Structures are given as C-alpha cells and as structure tokens.
Amino acid sequence: AMLLVGLGVRSLSVSPRKINKVKEVLSRFTLQEIETVTKESFNYS
C-alpha cells in the first residue's frame, strides 16, 4: 500500500480485515514522505 500510494495510486481495494491497519499506517505519514521513500526504491536492484 505504501509503495502504491508513493507511485501515485489513490484508490486501493483492500479486504475488509486489512482496511483499518492500512489506513492507520498510511495516515502516519505525509504524502511527500511516502513519495520520497518510494522514489528511493528506484535506485535499488
């Protein structure tokens, strides 16, 4: 979820039992922070 949001996806379909945890984790960070860590992944092999 973190990777997808960082790549620009704004709509995730998640099983009901995972929704709260995904929302909680994503809400701890700004969009800029999420995008930054995702962009770092472009450097890895």
ModelCIF file with pLDDT and N, C-alpha, C, O atoms, coordinates in Angstrom:
data_MODEL
#
_entry.id   MODEL 
#
_entity.id                         1 
_entity.type                       polymer 
_entity.pdbx_number_of_molecules   1 
#
_entity_poly.entity_id                      1 
_entity_poly.type                           'polypeptide(L)' 
_entity_poly.nstd_linkage                   no 
_entity_poly.nstd_monomer                   no 
_entity_poly.pdbx_seq_one_letter_code       AMLLVGLGVRSLSVSPRKINKVKEVLSRFTLQEIETVTKESFNYS 
_entity_poly.pdbx_seq_one_letter_code_can   AMLLVGLGVRSLSVSPRKINKVKEVLSRFTLQEIETVTKESFNYS 
_entity_poly.pdbx_strand_id                 A 
#
loop_
_entity_poly_seq.entity_id 
_entity_poly_seq.num 
_entity_poly_seq.mon_id 
_entity_poly_seq.hetero 
1 1  ALA n 
1 2  MET n 
1 3  LEU n 
1 4  LEU n 
1 5  VAL n 
1 6  GLY n 
1 7  LEU n 
1 8  GLY n 
1 9  VAL n 
1 10 ARG n 
1 11 SER n 
1 12 LEU n 
1 13 SER n 
1 14 VAL n 
1 15 SER n 
1 16 PRO n 
1 17 ARG n 
1 18 LYS n 
1 19 ILE n 
1 20 ASN n 
1 21 LYS n 
1 22 VAL n 
1 23 LYS n 
1 24 GLU n 
1 25 VAL n 
1 26 LEU n 
1 27 SER n 
1 28 ARG n 
1 29 PHE n 
1 30 THR n 
1 31 LEU n 
1 32 GLN n 
1 33 GLU n 
1 34 ILE n 
1 35 GLU n 
1 36 THR n 
1 37 VAL n 
1 38 THR n 
1 39 LYS n 
1 40 GLU n 
1 41 SER n 
1 42 PHE n 
1 43 ASN n 
1 44 TYR n 
1 45 SER n 
#
_struct_asym.id          A 
_struct_asym.entity_id   1 
#
loop_
_ma_qa_metric.id 
_ma_qa_metric.mode 
_ma_qa_metric.name 
_ma_qa_metric.software_group_id 
_ma_qa_metric.type 
1 global pLDDT . pLDDT 
2 local  pLDDT . pLDDT 
#
_ma_qa_metric_global.metric_id      1 
_ma_qa_metric_global.metric_value   94.29 
_ma_qa_metric_global.model_id       1 
_ma_qa_metric_global.ordinal_id     1 
#
loop_
_ma_qa_metric_local.label_asym_id 
_ma_qa_metric_local.label_comp_id 
_ma_qa_metric_local.label_seq_id 
_ma_qa_metric_local.metric_id 
_ma_qa_metric_local.metric_value 
_ma_qa_metric_local.model_id 
_ma_qa_metric_local.ordinal_id 
A ALA 1  2 96.00 1 1  
A MET 2  2 96.00 1 2  
A LEU 3  2 96.00 1 3  
A LEU 4  2 96.00 1 4  
A VAL 5  2 97.00 1 5  
A GLY 6  2 96.00 1 6  
A LEU 7  2 96.00 1 7  
A GLY 8  2 95.00 1 8  
A VAL 9  2 96.00 1 9  
A ARG 10 2 94.00 1 10 
A SER 11 2 94.00 1 11 
A LEU 12 2 95.00 1 12 
A SER 13 2 94.00 1 13 
A VAL 14 2 93.00 1 14 
A SER 15 2 92.00 1 15 
A PRO 16 2 93.00 1 16 
A ARG 17 2 94.00 1 17 
A LYS 18 2 94.00 1 18 
A ILE 19 2 93.00 1 19 
A ASN 20 2 95.00 1 20 
A LYS 21 2 95.00 1 21 
A VAL 22 2 95.00 1 22 
A LYS 23 2 95.00 1 23 
A GLU 24 2 96.00 1 24 
A VAL 25 2 95.00 1 25 
A LEU 26 2 96.00 1 26 
A SER 27 2 96.00 1 27 
A ARG 28 2 96.00 1 28 
A PHE 29 2 97.00 1 29 
A THR 30 2 97.00 1 30 
A LEU 31 2 96.00 1 31 
A GLN 32 2 96.00 1 32 
A GLU 33 2 97.00 1 33 
A ILE 34 2 96.00 1 34 
A GLU 35 2 96.00 1 35 
A THR 36 2 95.00 1 36 
A VAL 37 2 94.00 1 37 
A THR 38 2 93.00 1 38 
A LYS 39 2 92.00 1 39 
A GLU 40 2 90.00 1 40 
A SER 41 2 88.00 1 41 
A PHE 42 2 87.00 1 42 
A ASN 43 2 89.00 1 43 
A TYR 44 2 92.00 1 44 
A SER 45 2 89.00 1 45 
#
loop_
_atom_site.group_PDB 
_atom_site.id 
_atom_site.type_symbol 
_atom_site.label_atom_id 
_atom_site.label_alt_id 
_atom_site.label_comp_id 
_atom_site.label_asym_id 
_atom_site.label_entity_id 
_atom_site.label_seq_id 
_atom_site.pdbx_PDB_ins_code 
_atom_site.Cartn_x 
_atom_site.Cartn_y 
_atom_site.Cartn_z 
_atom_site.occupancy 
_atom_site.B_iso_or_equiv 
_atom_site.pdbx_formal_charge 
_atom_site.auth_seq_id 
_atom_site.auth_comp_id 
_atom_site.auth_asym_id 
_atom_site.auth_atom_id 
_atom_site.pdbx_PDB_model_num 
ATOM 1   N N  . ALA A 1 1  ? 0.839   -1.199 0.000  1.00 96.00 ? 1  ALA A N  1 
ATOM 2   C CA . ALA A 1 1  ? 0.000   0.000  0.000  1.00 96.00 ? 1  ALA A CA 1 
ATOM 3   C C  . ALA A 1 1  ? 0.877   1.253  0.000  1.00 96.00 ? 1  ALA A C  1 
ATOM 4   O O  . ALA A 1 1  ? 0.599   2.215  -0.716 1.00 96.00 ? 1  ALA A O  1 
ATOM 5   N N  . MET A 1 2  ? 1.922   1.232  0.798  1.00 96.00 ? 2  MET A N  1 
ATOM 6   C CA . MET A 1 2  ? 2.847   2.362  0.863  1.00 96.00 ? 2  MET A CA 1 
ATOM 7   C C  . MET A 1 2  ? 3.483   2.596  -0.507 1.00 96.00 ? 2  MET A C  1 
ATOM 8   O O  . MET A 1 2  ? 3.558   3.734  -0.971 1.00 96.00 ? 2  MET A O  1 
ATOM 9   N N  . LEU A 1 3  ? 3.937   1.531  -1.146 1.00 96.00 ? 3  LEU A N  1 
ATOM 10  C CA . LEU A 1 3  ? 4.552   1.632  -2.464 1.00 96.00 ? 3  LEU A CA 1 
ATOM 11  C C  . LEU A 1 3  ? 3.565   2.189  -3.484 1.00 96.00 ? 3  LEU A C  1 
ATOM 12  O O  . LEU A 1 3  ? 3.899   3.108  -4.232 1.00 96.00 ? 3  LEU A O  1 
ATOM 13  N N  . LEU A 1 4  ? 2.373   1.647  -3.519 1.00 96.00 ? 4  LEU A N  1 
ATOM 14  C CA . LEU A 1 4  ? 1.377   2.077  -4.500 1.00 96.00 ? 4  LEU A CA 1 
ATOM 15  C C  . LEU A 1 4  ? 0.991   3.538  -4.322 1.00 96.00 ? 4  LEU A C  1 
ATOM 16  O O  . LEU A 1 4  ? 0.879   4.272  -5.304 1.00 96.00 ? 4  LEU A O  1 
ATOM 17  N N  . VAL A 1 5  ? 0.786   3.965  -3.088 1.00 97.00 ? 5  VAL A N  1 
ATOM 18  C CA . VAL A 1 5  ? 0.452   5.372  -2.834 1.00 97.00 ? 5  VAL A CA 1 
ATOM 19  C C  . VAL A 1 5  ? 1.625   6.258  -3.251 1.00 97.00 ? 5  VAL A C  1 
ATOM 20  O O  . VAL A 1 5  ? 1.431   7.324  -3.836 1.00 97.00 ? 5  VAL A O  1 
ATOM 21  N N  . GLY A 1 6  ? 2.825   5.815  -2.949 1.00 96.00 ? 6  GLY A N  1 
ATOM 22  C CA . GLY A 1 6  ? 4.007   6.579  -3.340 1.00 96.00 ? 6  GLY A CA 1 
ATOM 23  C C  . GLY A 1 6  ? 4.174   6.687  -4.842 1.00 96.00 ? 6  GLY A C  1 
ATOM 24  O O  . GLY A 1 6  ? 4.773   7.643  -5.334 1.00 96.00 ? 6  GLY A O  1 
ATOM 25  N N  . LEU A 1 7  ? 3.652   5.719  -5.572 1.00 96.00 ? 7  LEU A N  1 
ATOM 26  C CA . LEU A 1 7  ? 3.714   5.746  -7.030 1.00 96.00 ? 7  LEU A CA 1 
ATOM 27  C C  . LEU A 1 7  ? 2.593   6.575  -7.649 1.00 96.00 ? 7  LEU A C  1 
ATOM 28  O O  . LEU A 1 7  ? 2.623   6.878  -8.842 1.00 96.00 ? 7  LEU A O  1 
ATOM 29  N N  . GLY A 1 8  ? 1.603   6.942  -6.830 1.00 95.00 ? 8  GLY A N  1 
ATOM 30  C CA . GLY A 1 8  ? 0.533   7.791  -7.346 1.00 95.00 ? 8  GLY A CA 1 
ATOM 31  C C  . GLY A 1 8  ? -0.850  7.177  -7.341 1.00 95.00 ? 8  GLY A C  1 
ATOM 32  O O  . GLY A 1 8  ? -1.809  7.830  -7.752 1.00 95.00 ? 8  GLY A O  1 
ATOM 33  N N  . VAL A 1 9  ? -0.983  5.946  -6.891 1.00 96.00 ? 9  VAL A N  1 
ATOM 34  C CA . VAL A 1 9  ? -2.298  5.318  -6.814 1.00 96.00 ? 9  VAL A CA 1 
ATOM 35  C C  . VAL A 1 9  ? -3.060  5.937  -5.646 1.00 96.00 ? 9  VAL A C  1 
ATOM 36  O O  . VAL A 1 9  ? -2.529  6.068  -4.543 1.00 96.00 ? 9  VAL A O  1 
ATOM 37  N N  . ARG A 1 10 ? -4.308  6.316  -5.903 1.00 94.00 ? 10 ARG A N  1 
ATOM 38  C CA . ARG A 1 10 ? -5.120  6.947  -4.852 1.00 94.00 ? 10 ARG A CA 1 
ATOM 39  C C  . ARG A 1 10 ? -6.346  6.129  -4.483 1.00 94.00 ? 10 ARG A C  1 
ATOM 40  O O  . ARG A 1 10 ? -7.162  6.555  -3.666 1.00 94.00 ? 10 ARG A O  1 
ATOM 41  N N  . SER A 1 11 ? -6.473  4.962  -5.084 1.00 94.00 ? 11 SER A N  1 
ATOM 42  C CA . SER A 1 11 ? -7.602  4.092  -4.776 1.00 94.00 ? 11 SER A CA 1 
ATOM 43  C C  . SER A 1 11 ? -7.091  2.660  -4.629 1.00 94.00 ? 11 SER A C  1 
ATOM 44  O O  . SER A 1 11 ? -6.600  2.058  -5.584 1.00 94.00 ? 11 SER A O  1 
ATOM 45  N N  . LEU A 1 12 ? -7.217  2.130  -3.419 1.00 95.00 ? 12 LEU A N  1 
ATOM 46  C CA . LEU A 1 12 ? -6.799  0.766  -3.136 1.00 95.00 ? 12 LEU A CA 1 
ATOM 47  C C  . LEU A 1 12 ? -8.018  -0.047 -2.728 1.00 95.00 ? 12 LEU A C  1 
ATOM 48  O O  . LEU A 1 12 ? -8.842  0.419  -1.942 1.00 95.00 ? 12 LEU A O  1 
ATOM 49  N N  . SER A 1 13 ? -8.133  -1.240 -3.251 1.00 94.00 ? 13 SER A N  1 
ATOM 50  C CA . SER A 1 13 ? -9.191  -2.151 -2.850 1.00 94.00 ? 13 SER A CA 1 
ATOM 51  C C  . SER A 1 13 ? -8.555  -3.195 -1.942 1.00 94.00 ? 13 SER A C  1 
ATOM 52  O O  . SER A 1 13 ? -7.716  -3.986 -2.371 1.00 94.00 ? 13 SER A O  1 
ATOM 53  N N  . VAL A 1 14 ? -8.970  -3.181 -0.686 1.00 93.00 ? 14 VAL A N  1 
ATOM 54  C CA . VAL A 1 14 ? -8.334  -3.989 0.343  1.00 93.00 ? 14 VAL A CA 1 
ATOM 55  C C  . VAL A 1 14 ? -9.400  -4.837 1.027  1.00 93.00 ? 14 VAL A C  1 
ATOM 56  O O  . VAL A 1 14 ? -10.535 -4.393 1.200  1.00 93.00 ? 14 VAL A O  1 
ATOM 57  N N  . SER A 1 15 ? -9.037  -6.051 1.414  1.00 92.00 ? 15 SER A N  1 
ATOM 58  C CA . SER A 1 15 ? -10.007 -6.888 2.110  1.00 92.00 ? 15 SER A CA 1 
ATOM 59  C C  . SER A 1 15 ? -10.433 -6.199 3.410  1.00 92.00 ? 15 SER A C  1 
ATOM 60  O O  . SER A 1 15 ? -9.627  -5.516 4.042  1.00 92.00 ? 15 SER A O  1 
ATOM 61  N N  . PRO A 1 16 ? -11.678 -6.375 3.804  1.00 93.00 ? 16 PRO A N  1 
ATOM 62  C CA . PRO A 1 16 ? -12.205 -5.672 4.981  1.00 93.00 ? 16 PRO A CA 1 
ATOM 63  C C  . PRO A 1 16 ? -11.359 -5.820 6.238  1.00 93.00 ? 16 PRO A C  1 
ATOM 64  O O  . PRO A 1 16 ? -11.242 -4.871 7.014  1.00 93.00 ? 16 PRO A O  1 
ATOM 65  N N  . ARG A 1 17 ? -10.774 -6.975 6.451  1.00 94.00 ? 17 ARG A N  1 
ATOM 66  C CA . ARG A 1 17 ? -9.988  -7.168 7.676  1.00 94.00 ? 17 ARG A CA 1 
ATOM 67  C C  . ARG A 1 17 ? -8.661  -6.409 7.671  1.00 94.00 ? 17 ARG A C  1 
ATOM 68  O O  . ARG A 1 17 ? -8.018  -6.293 8.714  1.00 94.00 ? 17 ARG A O  1 
ATOM 69  N N  . LYS A 1 18 ? -8.246  -5.897 6.526  1.00 94.00 ? 18 LYS A N  1 
ATOM 70  C CA . LYS A 1 18 ? -6.977  -5.176 6.437  1.00 94.00 ? 18 LYS A CA 1 
ATOM 71  C C  . LYS A 1 18 ? -7.145  -3.662 6.322  1.00 94.00 ? 18 LYS A C  1 
ATOM 72  O O  . LYS A 1 18 ? -6.167  -2.925 6.450  1.00 94.00 ? 18 LYS A O  1 
ATOM 73  N N  . ILE A 1 19 ? -8.349  -3.196 6.088  1.00 93.00 ? 19 ILE A N  1 
ATOM 74  C CA . ILE A 1 19 ? -8.587  -1.771 5.838  1.00 93.00 ? 19 ILE A CA 1 
ATOM 75  C C  . ILE A 1 19 ? -8.057  -0.887 6.953  1.00 93.00 ? 19 ILE A C  1 
ATOM 76  O O  . ILE A 1 19 ? -7.317  0.061  6.692  1.00 93.00 ? 19 ILE A O  1 
ATOM 77  N N  . ASN A 1 20 ? -8.424  -1.182 8.182  1.00 95.00 ? 20 ASN A N  1 
ATOM 78  C CA . ASN A 1 20 ? -8.036  -0.302 9.298  1.00 95.00 ? 20 ASN A CA 1 
ATOM 79  C C  . ASN A 1 20 ? -6.525  -0.210 9.461  1.00 95.00 ? 20 ASN A C  1 
ATOM 80  O O  . ASN A 1 20 ? -5.998  0.878  9.694  1.00 95.00 ? 20 ASN A O  1 
ATOM 81  N N  . LYS A 1 21 ? -5.824  -1.324 9.343  1.00 95.00 ? 21 LYS A N  1 
ATOM 82  C CA . LYS A 1 21 ? -4.374  -1.303 9.516  1.00 95.00 ? 21 LYS A CA 1 
ATOM 83  C C  . LYS A 1 21 ? -3.698  -0.519 8.390  1.00 95.00 ? 21 LYS A C  1 
ATOM 84  O O  . LYS A 1 21 ? -2.777  0.259  8.638  1.00 95.00 ? 21 LYS A O  1 
ATOM 85  N N  . VAL A 1 22 ? -4.156  -0.724 7.151  1.00 95.00 ? 22 VAL A N  1 
ATOM 86  C CA . VAL A 1 22 ? -3.574  0.008  6.018  1.00 95.00 ? 22 VAL A CA 1 
ATOM 87  C C  . VAL A 1 22 ? -3.820  1.506  6.189  1.00 95.00 ? 22 VAL A C  1 
ATOM 88  O O  . VAL A 1 22 ? -2.908  2.312  6.008  1.00 95.00 ? 22 VAL A O  1 
ATOM 89  N N  . LYS A 1 23 ? -5.048  1.875  6.537  1.00 95.00 ? 23 LYS A N  1 
ATOM 90  C CA . LYS A 1 23 ? -5.364  3.291  6.741  1.00 95.00 ? 23 LYS A CA 1 
ATOM 91  C C  . LYS A 1 23 ? -4.533  3.888  7.873  1.00 95.00 ? 23 LYS A C  1 
ATOM 92  O O  . LYS A 1 23 ? -4.043  5.012  7.763  1.00 95.00 ? 23 LYS A O  1 
ATOM 93  N N  . GLU A 1 24 ? -4.377  3.137  8.956  1.00 96.00 ? 24 GLU A N  1 
ATOM 94  C CA . GLU A 1 24 ? -3.614  3.635  10.105 1.00 96.00 ? 24 GLU A CA 1 
ATOM 95  C C  . GLU A 1 24 ? -2.158  3.892  9.728  1.00 96.00 ? 24 GLU A C  1 
ATOM 96  O O  . GLU A 1 24 ? -1.595  4.928  10.081 1.00 96.00 ? 24 GLU A O  1 
ATOM 97  N N  . VAL A 1 25 ? -1.560  2.963  9.021  1.00 95.00 ? 25 VAL A N  1 
ATOM 98  C CA . VAL A 1 25 ? -0.152  3.118  8.636  1.00 95.00 ? 25 VAL A CA 1 
ATOM 99  C C  . VAL A 1 25 ? 0.012   4.283  7.663  1.00 95.00 ? 25 VAL A C  1 
ATOM 100 O O  . VAL A 1 25 ? 0.905   5.113  7.837  1.00 95.00 ? 25 VAL A O  1 
ATOM 101 N N  . LEU A 1 26 ? -0.830  4.351  6.652  1.00 96.00 ? 26 LEU A N  1 
ATOM 102 C CA . LEU A 1 26 ? -0.712  5.438  5.676  1.00 96.00 ? 26 LEU A CA 1 
ATOM 103 C C  . LEU A 1 26 ? -0.944  6.803  6.313  1.00 96.00 ? 26 LEU A C  1 
ATOM 104 O O  . LEU A 1 26 ? -0.329  7.788  5.903  1.00 96.00 ? 26 LEU A O  1 
ATOM 105 N N  . SER A 1 27 ? -1.819  6.873  7.304  1.00 96.00 ? 27 SER A N  1 
ATOM 106 C CA . SER A 1 27 ? -2.125  8.163  7.932  1.00 96.00 ? 27 SER A CA 1 
ATOM 107 C C  . SER A 1 27 ? -0.998  8.689  8.811  1.00 96.00 ? 27 SER A C  1 
ATOM 108 O O  . SER A 1 27 ? -1.024  9.853  9.210  1.00 96.00 ? 27 SER A O  1 
ATOM 109 N N  . ARG A 1 28 ? -0.014  7.860  9.118  1.00 96.00 ? 28 ARG A N  1 
ATOM 110 C CA . ARG A 1 28 ? 1.114   8.301  9.951  1.00 96.00 ? 28 ARG A CA 1 
ATOM 111 C C  . ARG A 1 28 ? 2.125   9.151  9.188  1.00 96.00 ? 28 ARG A C  1 
ATOM 112 O O  . ARG A 1 28 ? 3.007   9.760  9.793  1.00 96.00 ? 28 ARG A O  1 
ATOM 113 N N  . PHE A 1 29 ? 2.002   9.193  7.878  1.00 97.00 ? 29 PHE A N  1 
ATOM 114 C CA . PHE A 1 29 ? 2.993   9.869  7.051  1.00 97.00 ? 29 PHE A CA 1 
ATOM 115 C C  . PHE A 1 29 ? 2.337   10.872 6.117  1.00 97.00 ? 29 PHE A C  1 
ATOM 116 O O  . PHE A 1 29 ? 1.160   10.753 5.777  1.00 97.00 ? 29 PHE A O  1 
ATOM 117 N N  . THR A 1 30 ? 3.118   11.859 5.710  1.00 97.00 ? 30 THR A N  1 
ATOM 118 C CA . THR A 1 30 ? 2.629   12.789 4.694  1.00 97.00 ? 30 THR A CA 1 
ATOM 119 C C  . THR A 1 30 ? 2.803   12.131 3.330  1.00 97.00 ? 30 THR A C  1 
ATOM 120 O O  . THR A 1 30 ? 3.588   11.195 3.173  1.00 97.00 ? 30 THR A O  1 
ATOM 121 N N  . LEU A 1 31 ? 2.070   12.626 2.362  1.00 96.00 ? 31 LEU A N  1 
ATOM 122 C CA . LEU A 1 31 ? 2.202   12.104 1.002  1.00 96.00 ? 31 LEU A CA 1 
ATOM 123 C C  . LEU A 1 31 ? 3.625   12.311 0.497  1.00 96.00 ? 31 LEU A C  1 
ATOM 124 O O  . LEU A 1 31 ? 4.168   11.454 -0.200 1.00 96.00 ? 31 LEU A O  1 
ATOM 125 N N  . GLN A 1 32 ? 4.222   13.427 0.839  1.00 96.00 ? 32 GLN A N  1 
ATOM 126 C CA . GLN A 1 32 ? 5.593   13.705 0.408  1.00 96.00 ? 32 GLN A CA 1 
ATOM 127 C C  . GLN A 1 32 ? 6.568   12.672 0.994  1.00 96.00 ? 32 GLN A C  1 
ATOM 128 O O  . GLN A 1 32 ? 7.473   12.220 0.294  1.00 96.00 ? 32 GLN A O  1 
ATOM 129 N N  . GLU A 1 33 ? 6.395   12.298 2.256  1.00 97.00 ? 33 GLU A N  1 
ATOM 130 C CA . GLU A 1 33 ? 7.267   11.291 2.872  1.00 97.00 ? 33 GLU A CA 1 
ATOM 131 C C  . GLU A 1 33 ? 7.113   9.943  2.166  1.00 97.00 ? 33 GLU A C  1 
ATOM 132 O O  . GLU A 1 33 ? 8.098   9.255  1.898  1.00 97.00 ? 33 GLU A O  1 
ATOM 133 N N  . ILE A 1 34 ? 5.876   9.577  1.873  1.00 96.00 ? 34 ILE A N  1 
ATOM 134 C CA . ILE A 1 34 ? 5.620   8.308  1.197  1.00 96.00 ? 34 ILE A CA 1 
ATOM 135 C C  . ILE A 1 34 ? 6.226   8.318  -0.206 1.00 96.00 ? 34 ILE A C  1 
ATOM 136 O O  . ILE A 1 34 ? 6.838   7.334  -0.623 1.00 96.00 ? 34 ILE A O  1 
ATOM 137 N N  . GLU A 1 35 ? 6.063   9.409  -0.929 1.00 96.00 ? 35 GLU A N  1 
ATOM 138 C CA . GLU A 1 35 ? 6.630   9.511  -2.269 1.00 96.00 ? 35 GLU A CA 1 
ATOM 139 C C  . GLU A 1 35 ? 8.152   9.467  -2.235 1.00 96.00 ? 35 GLU A C  1 
ATOM 140 O O  . GLU A 1 35 ? 8.773   8.876  -3.119 1.00 96.00 ? 35 GLU A O  1 
ATOM 141 N N  . THR A 1 36 ? 8.756   10.082 -1.232 1.00 95.00 ? 36 THR A N  1 
ATOM 142 C CA . THR A 1 36 ? 10.212  10.094 -1.117 1.00 95.00 ? 36 THR A CA 1 
ATOM 143 C C  . THR A 1 36 ? 10.763  8.689  -0.923 1.00 95.00 ? 36 THR A C  1 
ATOM 144 O O  . THR A 1 36 ? 11.711  8.295  -1.602 1.00 95.00 ? 36 THR A O  1 
ATOM 145 N N  . VAL A 1 37 ? 10.179  7.932  -0.002 1.00 94.00 ? 37 VAL A N  1 
ATOM 146 C CA . VAL A 1 37 ? 10.682  6.570  0.228  1.00 94.00 ? 37 VAL A CA 1 
ATOM 147 C C  . VAL A 1 37 ? 10.429  5.690  -0.988 1.00 94.00 ? 37 VAL A C  1 
ATOM 148 O O  . VAL A 1 37 ? 11.221  4.791  -1.271 1.00 94.00 ? 37 VAL A O  1 
ATOM 149 N N  . THR A 1 38 ? 9.354   5.929  -1.701 1.00 93.00 ? 38 THR A N  1 
ATOM 150 C CA . THR A 1 38 ? 9.084   5.153  -2.911 1.00 93.00 ? 38 THR A CA 1 
ATOM 151 C C  . THR A 1 38 ? 10.092  5.484  -3.995 1.00 93.00 ? 38 THR A C  1 
ATOM 152 O O  . THR A 1 38 ? 10.581  4.584  -4.678 1.00 93.00 ? 38 THR A O  1 
ATOM 153 N N  . LYS A 1 39 ? 10.407  6.748  -4.162 1.00 92.00 ? 39 LYS A N  1 
ATOM 154 C CA . LYS A 1 39 ? 11.389  7.145  -5.179 1.00 92.00 ? 39 LYS A CA 1 
ATOM 155 C C  . LYS A 1 39 ? 12.762  6.556  -4.890 1.00 92.00 ? 39 LYS A C  1 
ATOM 156 O O  . LYS A 1 39 ? 13.523  6.269  -5.814 1.00 92.00 ? 39 LYS A O  1 
ATOM 157 N N  . GLU A 1 40 ? 13.085  6.374  -3.601 1.00 90.00 ? 40 GLU A N  1 
ATOM 158 C CA . GLU A 1 40 ? 14.348  5.725  -3.241 1.00 90.00 ? 40 GLU A CA 1 
ATOM 159 C C  . GLU A 1 40 ? 14.423  4.322  -3.823 1.00 90.00 ? 40 GLU A C  1 
ATOM 160 O O  . GLU A 1 40 ? 15.495  3.854  -4.205 1.00 90.00 ? 40 GLU A O  1 
ATOM 161 N N  . SER A 1 41 ? 13.269  3.654  -3.887 1.00 88.00 ? 41 SER A N  1 
ATOM 162 C CA . SER A 1 41 ? 13.252  2.272  -4.371 1.00 88.00 ? 41 SER A CA 1 
ATOM 163 C C  . SER A 1 41 ? 13.674  2.168  -5.834 1.00 88.00 ? 41 SER A C  1 
ATOM 164 O O  . SER A 1 41 ? 14.064  1.090  -6.284 1.00 88.00 ? 41 SER A O  1 
ATOM 165 N N  . PHE A 1 42 ? 13.602  3.267  -6.583 1.00 87.00 ? 42 PHE A N  1 
ATOM 166 C CA . PHE A 1 42 ? 14.034  3.244  -7.980 1.00 87.00 ? 42 PHE A CA 1 
ATOM 167 C C  . PHE A 1 42 ? 15.541  3.021  -8.093 1.00 87.00 ? 42 PHE A C  1 
ATOM 168 O O  . PHE A 1 42 ? 16.030  2.627  -9.152 1.00 87.00 ? 42 PHE A O  1 
ATOM 169 N N  . ASN A 1 43 ? 16.272  3.267  -7.019 1.00 89.00 ? 43 ASN A N  1 
ATOM 170 C CA . ASN A 1 43 ? 17.725  3.137  -7.038 1.00 89.00 ? 43 ASN A CA 1 
ATOM 171 C C  . ASN A 1 43 ? 18.208  1.731  -6.715 1.00 89.00 ? 43 ASN A C  1 
ATOM 172 O O  . ASN A 1 43 ? 19.398  1.449  -6.857 1.00 89.00 ? 43 ASN A O  1 
ATOM 173 N N  . TYR A 1 44 ? 17.327  0.850  -6.290 1.00 92.00 ? 44 TYR A N  1 
ATOM 174 C CA . TYR A 1 44 ? 17.734  -0.474 -5.843 1.00 92.00 ? 44 TYR A CA 1 
ATOM 175 C C  . TYR A 1 44 ? 17.608  -1.485 -6.965 1.00 92.00 ? 44 TYR A C  1 
ATOM 176 O O  . TYR A 1 44 ? 16.786  -1.335 -7.869 1.00 92.00 ? 44 TYR A O  1 
ATOM 177 N N  . SER A 1 45 ? 18.435  -2.519 -6.893 1.00 89.00 ? 45 SER A N  1 
ATOM 178 C CA . SER A 1 45 ? 18.461  -3.511 -7.967 1.00 89.00 ? 45 SER A CA 1 
ATOM 179 C C  . SER A 1 45 ? 17.830  -4.842 -7.586 1.00 89.00 ? 45 SER A C  1 
ATOM 180 O O  . SER A 1 45 ? 17.788  -5.762 -8.402 1.00 89.00 ? 45 SER A O  1 
#
